[in-house]
Amino acid sequence: MTHESLITAFAWMSVINLIFFIIGLLKITHLRSLTEGLNKMMFGERSDEIMAAVPKVLLHYYILILMFNIVPYLVLRFAL
């Protein structure tokens, strides 16, 4: 695998994961009522706990995106 293909792969992984992150943010901001309704239907009483934990999960997901997608992309891009 060449350096150019690695850079391209990390770039696309970053884009795809950031799109998933934005979808998650939209679900807890603009589509909150729909998301709460689905959680109540699936999880019952525990839906409030799950909705409270979602921002923390998204923050961890964002940190993982930075560490495993964006940082390697930047290192490959600027070091080579």
PDB file of N, CA and C in Angstrom:
ATOM      1  N   MET A   1       0.842  -1.169   0.000  1.00  0.00           N
ATOM      2  CA  MET A   1       0.000   0.000   0.000  1.00  0.00           C
ATOM      3  C   MET A   1       0.894   1.241   0.000  1.00  0.00           C
ATOM      4  N   THR A   2       0.646   2.142  -0.915  1.00  0.00           N
ATOM      5  CA  THR A   2       1.476   3.336  -1.023  1.00  0.00           C
ATOM      6  C   THR A   2       1.030   4.400  -0.030  1.00  0.00           C
ATOM      7  N   HIS A   3       1.882   5.391   0.141  1.00  0.00           N
ATOM      8  CA  HIS A   3       1.559   6.474   1.064  1.00  0.00           C
ATOM      9  C   HIS A   3       0.345   7.269   0.594  1.00  0.00           C
ATOM     10  N   GLU A   4       0.233   7.448  -0.697  1.00  0.00           N
ATOM     11  CA  GLU A   4      -0.903   8.193  -1.240  1.00  0.00           C
ATOM     12  C   GLU A   4      -2.221   7.473  -0.981  1.00  0.00           C
ATOM     13  N   SER A   5      -2.211   6.152  -1.116  1.00  0.00           N
ATOM     14  CA  SER A   5      -3.436   5.406  -0.858  1.00  0.00           C
ATOM     15  C   SER A   5      -3.790   5.411   0.629  1.00  0.00           C
ATOM     16  N   LEU A   6      -2.779   5.404   1.505  1.00  0.00           N
ATOM     17  CA  LEU A   6      -3.044   5.517   2.939  1.00  0.00           C
ATOM     18  C   LEU A   6      -3.642   6.880   3.283  1.00  0.00           C
ATOM     19  N   ILE A   7      -3.095   7.922   2.695  1.00  0.00           N
ATOM     20  CA  ILE A   7      -3.630   9.263   2.935  1.00  0.00           C
ATOM     21  C   ILE A   7      -5.075   9.348   2.467  1.00  0.00           C
ATOM     22  N   THR A   8      -5.359   8.790   1.300  1.00  0.00           N
ATOM     23  CA  THR A   8      -6.724   8.786   0.768  1.00  0.00           C
ATOM     24  C   THR A   8      -7.660   7.983   1.661  1.00  0.00           C
ATOM     25  N   ALA A   9      -7.208   6.829   2.141  1.00  0.00           N
ATOM     26  CA  ALA A   9      -8.044   5.997   3.008  1.00  0.00           C
ATOM     27  C   ALA A   9      -8.366   6.718   4.316  1.00  0.00           C
ATOM     28  N   PHE A  10      -7.370   7.342   4.931  1.00  0.00           N
ATOM     29  CA  PHE A  10      -7.621   8.071   6.174  1.00  0.00           C
ATOM     30  C   PHE A  10      -8.521   9.281   5.942  1.00  0.00           C
ATOM     31  N   ALA A  11      -8.380   9.925   4.804  1.00  0.00           N
ATOM     32  CA  ALA A  11      -9.243  11.067   4.491  1.00  0.00           C
ATOM     33  C   ALA A  11     -10.697  10.625   4.372  1.00  0.00           C
ATOM     34  N   TRP A  12     -10.938   9.527   3.651  1.00  0.00           N
ATOM     35  CA  TRP A  12     -12.308   9.044   3.497  1.00  0.00           C
ATOM     36  C   TRP A  12     -12.868   8.510   4.810  1.00  0.00           C
ATOM     37  N   MET A  13     -12.033   7.847   5.615  1.00  0.00           N
ATOM     38  CA  MET A  13     -12.503   7.386   6.926  1.00  0.00           C
ATOM     39  C   MET A  13     -12.915   8.573   7.790  1.00  0.00           C
ATOM     40  N   SER A  14     -12.144   9.647   7.727  1.00  0.00           N
ATOM     41  CA  SER A  14     -12.475  10.844   8.497  1.00  0.00           C
ATOM     42  C   SER A  14     -13.794  11.448   8.040  1.00  0.00           C
ATOM     43  N   VAL A  15     -13.974  11.552   6.750  1.00  0.00           N
ATOM     44  CA  VAL A  15     -15.207  12.135   6.216  1.00  0.00           C
ATOM     45  C   VAL A  15     -16.415  11.295   6.618  1.00  0.00           C
ATOM     46  N   ILE A  16     -16.334   9.994   6.449  1.00  0.00           N
ATOM     47  CA  ILE A  16     -17.451   9.111   6.763  1.00  0.00           C
ATOM     48  C   ILE A  16     -17.792   9.170   8.246  1.00  0.00           C
ATOM     49  N   ASN A  17     -16.780   9.109   9.106  1.00  0.00           N
ATOM     50  CA  ASN A  17     -17.039   9.152  10.544  1.00  0.00           C
ATOM     51  C   ASN A  17     -17.549  10.507  10.997  1.00  0.00           C
ATOM     52  N   LEU A  18     -17.080  11.590  10.402  1.00  0.00           N
ATOM     53  CA  LEU A  18     -17.606  12.904  10.758  1.00  0.00           C
ATOM     54  C   LEU A  18     -19.057  13.063  10.318  1.00  0.00           C
ATOM     55  N   ILE A  19     -19.434  12.450   9.198  1.00  0.00           N
ATOM     56  CA  ILE A  19     -20.842  12.462   8.781  1.00  0.00           C
ATOM     57  C   ILE A  19     -21.697  11.716   9.802  1.00  0.00           C
ATOM     58  N   PHE A  20     -21.239  10.555  10.265  1.00  0.00           N
ATOM     59  CA  PHE A  20     -21.977   9.833  11.303  1.00  0.00           C
ATOM     60  C   PHE A  20     -22.076  10.650  12.584  1.00  0.00           C
ATOM     61  N   PHE A  21     -21.010  11.359  12.936  1.00  0.00           N
ATOM     62  CA  PHE A  21     -21.020  12.203  14.124  1.00  0.00           C
ATOM     63  C   PHE A  21     -22.047  13.328  13.982  1.00  0.00           C
ATOM     64  N   ILE A  22     -22.098  13.958  12.815  1.00  0.00           N
ATOM     65  CA  ILE A  22     -23.065  15.033  12.578  1.00  0.00           C
ATOM     66  C   ILE A  22     -24.489  14.499  12.623  1.00  0.00           C
ATOM     67  N   ILE A  23     -24.720  13.313  12.081  1.00  0.00           N
ATOM     68  CA  ILE A  23     -26.048  12.696  12.161  1.00  0.00           C
ATOM     69  C   ILE A  23     -26.421  12.463  13.618  1.00  0.00           C
ATOM     70  N   GLY A  24     -25.470  12.000  14.432  1.00  0.00           N
ATOM     71  CA  GLY A  24     -25.734  11.811  15.854  1.00  0.00           C
ATOM     72  C   GLY A  24     -26.068  13.115  16.550  1.00  0.00           C
ATOM     73  N   LEU A  25     -25.351  14.190  16.207  1.00  0.00           N
ATOM     74  CA  LEU A  25     -25.660  15.494  16.790  1.00  0.00           C
ATOM     75  C   LEU A  25     -27.048  15.973  16.383  1.00  0.00           C
ATOM     76  N   LEU A  26     -27.397  15.758  15.127  1.00  0.00           N
ATOM     77  CA  LEU A  26     -28.730  16.157  14.672  1.00  0.00           C
ATOM     78  C   LEU A  26     -29.829  15.381  15.383  1.00  0.00           C
ATOM     79  N   LYS A  27     -29.563  14.117  15.676  1.00  0.00           N
ATOM     80  CA  LYS A  27     -30.561  13.303  16.363  1.00  0.00           C
ATOM     81  C   LYS A  27     -30.835  13.788  17.777  1.00  0.00           C
ATOM     82  N   ILE A  28     -29.817  14.353  18.448  1.00  0.00           N
ATOM     83  CA  ILE A  28     -30.069  14.802  19.821  1.00  0.00           C
ATOM     84  C   ILE A  28     -30.412  16.291  19.895  1.00  0.00           C
ATOM     85  N   THR A  29     -30.346  17.010  18.765  1.00  0.00           N
ATOM     86  CA  THR A  29     -30.717  18.422  18.791  1.00  0.00           C
ATOM     87  C   THR A  29     -32.036  18.649  18.052  1.00  0.00           C
ATOM     88  N   HIS A  30     -32.035  18.516  16.745  1.00  0.00           N
ATOM     89  CA  HIS A  30     -33.215  18.839  15.955  1.00  0.00           C
ATOM     90  C   HIS A  30     -34.267  17.729  15.947  1.00  0.00           C
ATOM     91  N   LEU A  31     -33.847  16.497  16.048  1.00  0.00           N
ATOM     92  CA  LEU A  31     -34.790  15.363  16.017  1.00  0.00           C
ATOM     93  C   LEU A  31     -34.949  14.734  17.398  1.00  0.00           C
ATOM     94  N   ARG A  32     -34.829  15.549  18.451  1.00  0.00           N
ATOM     95  CA  ARG A  32     -34.842  15.032  19.812  1.00  0.00           C
ATOM     96  C   ARG A  32     -36.164  14.331  20.154  1.00  0.00           C
ATOM     97  N   SER A  33     -37.301  14.909  19.766  1.00  0.00           N
ATOM     98  CA  SER A  33     -38.590  14.301  20.118  1.00  0.00           C
ATOM     99  C   SER A  33     -38.754  12.937  19.448  1.00  0.00           C
ATOM    100  N   LEU A  34     -38.341  12.828  18.192  1.00  0.00           N
ATOM    101  CA  LEU A  34     -38.411  11.543  17.495  1.00  0.00           C
ATOM    102  C   LEU A  34     -37.491  10.519  18.150  1.00  0.00           C
ATOM    103  N   THR A  35     -36.280  10.957  18.509  1.00  0.00           N
ATOM    104  CA  THR A  35     -35.318  10.059  19.143  1.00  0.00           C
ATOM    105  C   THR A  35     -35.812   9.609  20.516  1.00  0.00           C
ATOM    106  N   GLU A  36     -36.389  10.531  21.291  1.00  0.00           N
ATOM    107  CA  GLU A  36     -36.925  10.157  22.603  1.00  0.00           C
ATOM    108  C   GLU A  36     -38.074   9.172  22.461  1.00  0.00           C
ATOM    109  N   GLY A  37     -38.934   9.387  21.458  1.00  0.00           N
ATOM    110  CA  GLY A  37     -40.045   8.462  21.231  1.00  0.00           C
ATOM    111  C   GLY A  37     -39.560   7.064  20.871  1.00  0.00           C
ATOM    112  N   LEU A  38     -38.556   6.985  20.005  1.00  0.00           N
ATOM    113  CA  LEU A  38     -38.008   5.676  19.639  1.00  0.00           C
ATOM    114  C   LEU A  38     -37.340   5.003  20.836  1.00  0.00           C
ATOM    115  N   ASN A  39     -36.634   5.794  21.649  1.00  0.00           N
ATOM    116  CA  ASN A  39     -35.990   5.217  22.827  1.00  0.00           C
ATOM    117  C   ASN A  39     -37.021   4.707  23.826  1.00  0.00           C
ATOM    118  N   LYS A  40     -38.121   5.450  24.017  1.00  0.00           N
ATOM    119  CA  LYS A  40     -39.166   4.987  24.933  1.00  0.00           C
ATOM    120  C   LYS A  40     -39.809   3.704  24.418  1.00  0.00           C
ATOM    121  N   MET A  41     -39.961   3.610  23.111  1.00  0.00           N
ATOM    122  CA  MET A  41     -40.551   2.419  22.534  1.00  0.00           C
ATOM    123  C   MET A  41     -39.616   1.214  22.691  1.00  0.00           C
ATOM    124  N   MET A  42     -38.311   1.429  22.532  1.00  0.00           N
ATOM    125  CA  MET A  42     -37.368   0.315  22.598  1.00  0.00           C
ATOM    126  C   MET A  42     -36.925  -0.022  24.012  1.00  0.00           C
ATOM    127  N   PHE A  43     -36.719   0.987  24.864  1.00  0.00           N
ATOM    128  CA  PHE A  43     -36.100   0.744  26.162  1.00  0.00           C
ATOM    129  C   PHE A  43     -37.012   0.995  27.353  1.00  0.00           C
ATOM    130  N   GLY A  44     -38.181   1.551  27.140  1.00  0.00           N
ATOM    131  CA  GLY A  44     -39.130   1.745  28.234  1.00  0.00           C
ATOM    132  C   GLY A  44     -38.645   2.748  29.265  1.00  0.00           C
ATOM    133  N   GLU A  45     -38.573   2.301  30.514  1.00  0.00           N
ATOM    134  CA  GLU A  45     -38.223   3.188  31.627  1.00  0.00           C
ATOM    135  C   GLU A  45     -36.803   3.736  31.530  1.00  0.00           C
ATOM    136  N   ARG A  46     -35.917   3.002  30.948  1.00  0.00           N
ATOM    137  CA  ARG A  46     -34.500   3.398  30.907  1.00  0.00           C
ATOM    138  C   ARG A  46     -34.191   4.406  29.796  1.00  0.00           C
ATOM    139  N   SER A  47     -35.194   4.844  29.065  1.00  0.00           N
ATOM    140  CA  SER A  47     -34.938   5.750  27.946  1.00  0.00           C
ATOM    141  C   SER A  47     -34.377   7.092  28.411  1.00  0.00           C
ATOM    142  N   ASP A  48     -34.781   7.565  29.594  1.00  0.00           N
ATOM    143  CA  ASP A  48     -34.241   8.832  30.088  1.00  0.00           C
ATOM    144  C   ASP A  48     -32.752   8.716  30.400  1.00  0.00           C
ATOM    145  N   GLU A  49     -32.351   7.598  30.952  1.00  0.00           N
ATOM    146  CA  GLU A  49     -30.925   7.376  31.237  1.00  0.00           C
ATOM    147  C   GLU A  49     -30.115   7.327  29.941  1.00  0.00           C
ATOM    148  N   ILE A  50     -30.678   6.704  28.937  1.00  0.00           N
ATOM    149  CA  ILE A  50     -29.983   6.586  27.656  1.00  0.00           C
ATOM    150  C   ILE A  50     -29.856   7.952  26.995  1.00  0.00           C
ATOM    151  N   MET A  51     -30.927   8.750  27.022  1.00  0.00           N
ATOM    152  CA  MET A  51     -30.860  10.090  26.432  1.00  0.00           C
ATOM    153  C   MET A  51     -29.870  10.977  27.182  1.00  0.00           C
ATOM    154  N   ALA A  52     -29.708  10.757  28.470  1.00  0.00           N
ATOM    155  CA  ALA A  52     -28.733  11.535  29.245  1.00  0.00           C
ATOM    156  C   ALA A  52     -27.301  11.116  28.905  1.00  0.00           C
ATOM    157  N   ALA A  53     -27.110   9.865  28.502  1.00  0.00           N
ATOM    158  CA  ALA A  53     -25.772   9.356  28.207  1.00  0.00           C
ATOM    159  C   ALA A  53     -25.326   9.633  26.770  1.00  0.00           C
ATOM    160  N   VAL A  54     -26.241   9.983  25.892  1.00  0.00           N
ATOM    161  CA  VAL A  54     -25.908  10.171  24.477  1.00  0.00           C
ATOM    162  C   VAL A  54     -24.853  11.254  24.252  1.00  0.00           C
ATOM    163  N   PRO A  55     -24.927  12.438  24.874  1.00  0.00           N
ATOM    164  CA  PRO A  55     -23.865  13.430  24.637  1.00  0.00           C
ATOM    165  C   PRO A  55     -22.474  12.935  25.044  1.00  0.00           C
ATOM    166  N   LYS A  56     -22.399  12.178  26.119  1.00  0.00           N
ATOM    167  CA  LYS A  56     -21.118  11.633  26.556  1.00  0.00           C
ATOM    168  C   LYS A  56     -20.587  10.624  25.531  1.00  0.00           C
ATOM    169  N   VAL A  57     -21.459   9.808  25.010  1.00  0.00           N
ATOM    170  CA  VAL A  57     -21.068   8.831  23.991  1.00  0.00           C
ATOM    171  C   VAL A  57     -20.582   9.542  22.732  1.00  0.00           C
ATOM    172  N   LEU A  58     -21.287  10.596  22.317  1.00  0.00           N
ATOM    173  CA  LEU A  58     -20.869  11.351  21.133  1.00  0.00           C
ATOM    174  C   LEU A  58     -19.527  12.043  21.353  1.00  0.00           C
ATOM    175  N   LEU A  59     -19.284  12.527  22.557  1.00  0.00           N
ATOM    176  CA  LEU A  59     -17.995  13.135  22.853  1.00  0.00           C
ATOM    177  C   LEU A  59     -16.871  12.110  22.748  1.00  0.00           C
ATOM    178  N   HIS A  60     -17.091  10.917  23.267  1.00  0.00           N
ATOM    179  CA  HIS A  60     -16.086   9.856  23.154  1.00  0.00           C
ATOM    180  C   HIS A  60     -15.879   9.453  21.693  1.00  0.00           C
ATOM    181  N   TYR A  61     -16.957   9.404  20.930  1.00  0.00           N
ATOM    182  CA  TYR A  61     -16.853   9.078  19.515  1.00  0.00           C
ATOM    183  C   TYR A  61     -16.036  10.137  18.778  1.00  0.00           C
ATOM    184  N   TYR A  62     -16.247  11.411  19.118  1.00  0.00           N
ATOM    185  CA  TYR A  62     -15.485  12.490  18.495  1.00  0.00           C
ATOM    186  C   TYR A  62     -13.997  12.371  18.822  1.00  0.00           C
ATOM    187  N   ILE A  63     -13.677  12.048  20.060  1.00  0.00           N
ATOM    188  CA  ILE A  63     -12.277  11.864  20.451  1.00  0.00           C
ATOM    189  C   ILE A  63     -11.653  10.702  19.677  1.00  0.00           C
ATOM    190  N   LEU A  64     -12.399   9.625  19.511  1.00  0.00           N
ATOM    191  CA  LEU A  64     -11.894   8.490  18.739  1.00  0.00           C
ATOM    192  C   LEU A  64     -11.673   8.853  17.275  1.00  0.00           C
ATOM    193  N   ILE A  65     -12.579   9.659  16.711  1.00  0.00           N
ATOM    194  CA  ILE A  65     -12.400  10.110  15.334  1.00  0.00           C
ATOM    195  C   ILE A  65     -11.113  10.911  15.216  1.00  0.00           C
ATOM    196  N   LEU A  66     -10.897  11.809  16.165  1.00  0.00           N
ATOM    197  CA  LEU A  66      -9.670  12.603  16.134  1.00  0.00           C
ATOM    198  C   LEU A  66      -8.426  11.734  16.228  1.00  0.00           C
ATOM    199  N   MET A  67      -8.421  10.805  17.168  1.00  0.00           N
ATOM    200  CA  MET A  67      -7.219  10.025  17.443  1.00  0.00           C
ATOM    201  C   MET A  67      -6.916   8.994  16.354  1.00  0.00           C
ATOM    202  N   PHE A  68      -7.939   8.352  15.811  1.00  0.00           N
ATOM    203  CA  PHE A  68      -7.696   7.244  14.890  1.00  0.00           C
ATOM    204  C   PHE A  68      -7.931   7.574  13.414  1.00  0.00           C
ATOM    205  N   ASN A  69      -8.474   8.749  13.116  1.00  0.00           N
ATOM    206  CA  ASN A  69      -8.690   9.120  11.719  1.00  0.00           C
ATOM    207  C   ASN A  69      -7.969  10.400  11.338  1.00  0.00           C
ATOM    208  N   ILE A  70      -8.209  11.455  12.081  1.00  0.00           N
ATOM    209  CA  ILE A  70      -7.693  12.758  11.680  1.00  0.00           C
ATOM    210  C   ILE A  70      -6.211  12.911  11.997  1.00  0.00           C
ATOM    211  N   VAL A  71      -5.773  12.495  13.179  1.00  0.00           N
ATOM    212  CA  VAL A  71      -4.358  12.618  13.525  1.00  0.00           C
ATOM    213  C   VAL A  71      -3.477  11.792  12.585  1.00  0.00           C
ATOM    214  N   PRO A  72      -3.792  10.515  12.315  1.00  0.00           N
ATOM    215  CA  PRO A  72      -2.950   9.785  11.349  1.00  0.00           C
ATOM    216  C   PRO A  72      -2.962  10.410   9.957  1.00  0.00           C
ATOM    217  N   TYR A  73      -4.114  10.945   9.543  1.00  0.00           N
ATOM    218  CA  TYR A  73      -4.177  11.612   8.244  1.00  0.00           C
ATOM    219  C   TYR A  73      -3.229  12.810   8.214  1.00  0.00           C
ATOM    220  N   LEU A  74      -3.294  13.648   9.255  1.00  0.00           N
ATOM    221  CA  LEU A  74      -2.429  14.828   9.289  1.00  0.00           C
ATOM    222  C   LEU A  74      -0.951  14.459   9.360  1.00  0.00           C
ATOM    223  N   VAL A  75      -0.628  13.433  10.119  1.00  0.00           N
ATOM    224  CA  VAL A  75       0.770  12.998  10.221  1.00  0.00           C
ATOM    225  C   VAL A  75       1.273  12.517   8.865  1.00  0.00           C
ATOM    226  N   LEU A  76       0.487  11.689   8.207  1.00  0.00           N
ATOM    227  CA  LEU A  76       0.893  11.207   6.889  1.00  0.00           C
ATOM    228  C   LEU A  76       0.964  12.344   5.873  1.00  0.00           C
ATOM    229  N   ARG A  77       0.030  13.243   5.970  1.00  0.00           N
ATOM    230  CA  ARG A  77      -0.035  14.346   5.008  1.00  0.00           C
ATOM    231  C   ARG A  77       1.165  15.281   5.136  1.00  0.00           C
ATOM    232  N   PHE A  78       1.533  15.640   6.382  1.00  0.00           N
ATOM    233  CA  PHE A  78       2.583  16.626   6.575  1.00  0.00           C
ATOM    234  C   PHE A  78       3.972  16.017   6.742  1.00  0.00           C
ATOM    235  N   ALA A  79       4.046  14.762   7.167  1.00  0.00           N
ATOM    236  CA  ALA A  79       5.354  14.150   7.384  1.00  0.00           C
ATOM    237  C   ALA A  79       5.959  13.598   6.098  1.00  0.00           C
ATOM    238  N   LEU A  80       5.112  13.259   5.150  1.00  0.00           N
ATOM    239  CA  LEU A  80       5.627  12.634   3.931  1.00  0.00           C
ATOM    240  C   LEU A  80       5.602  13.586   2.756  1.00  0.00           C
TER     241      LEU A  80
END
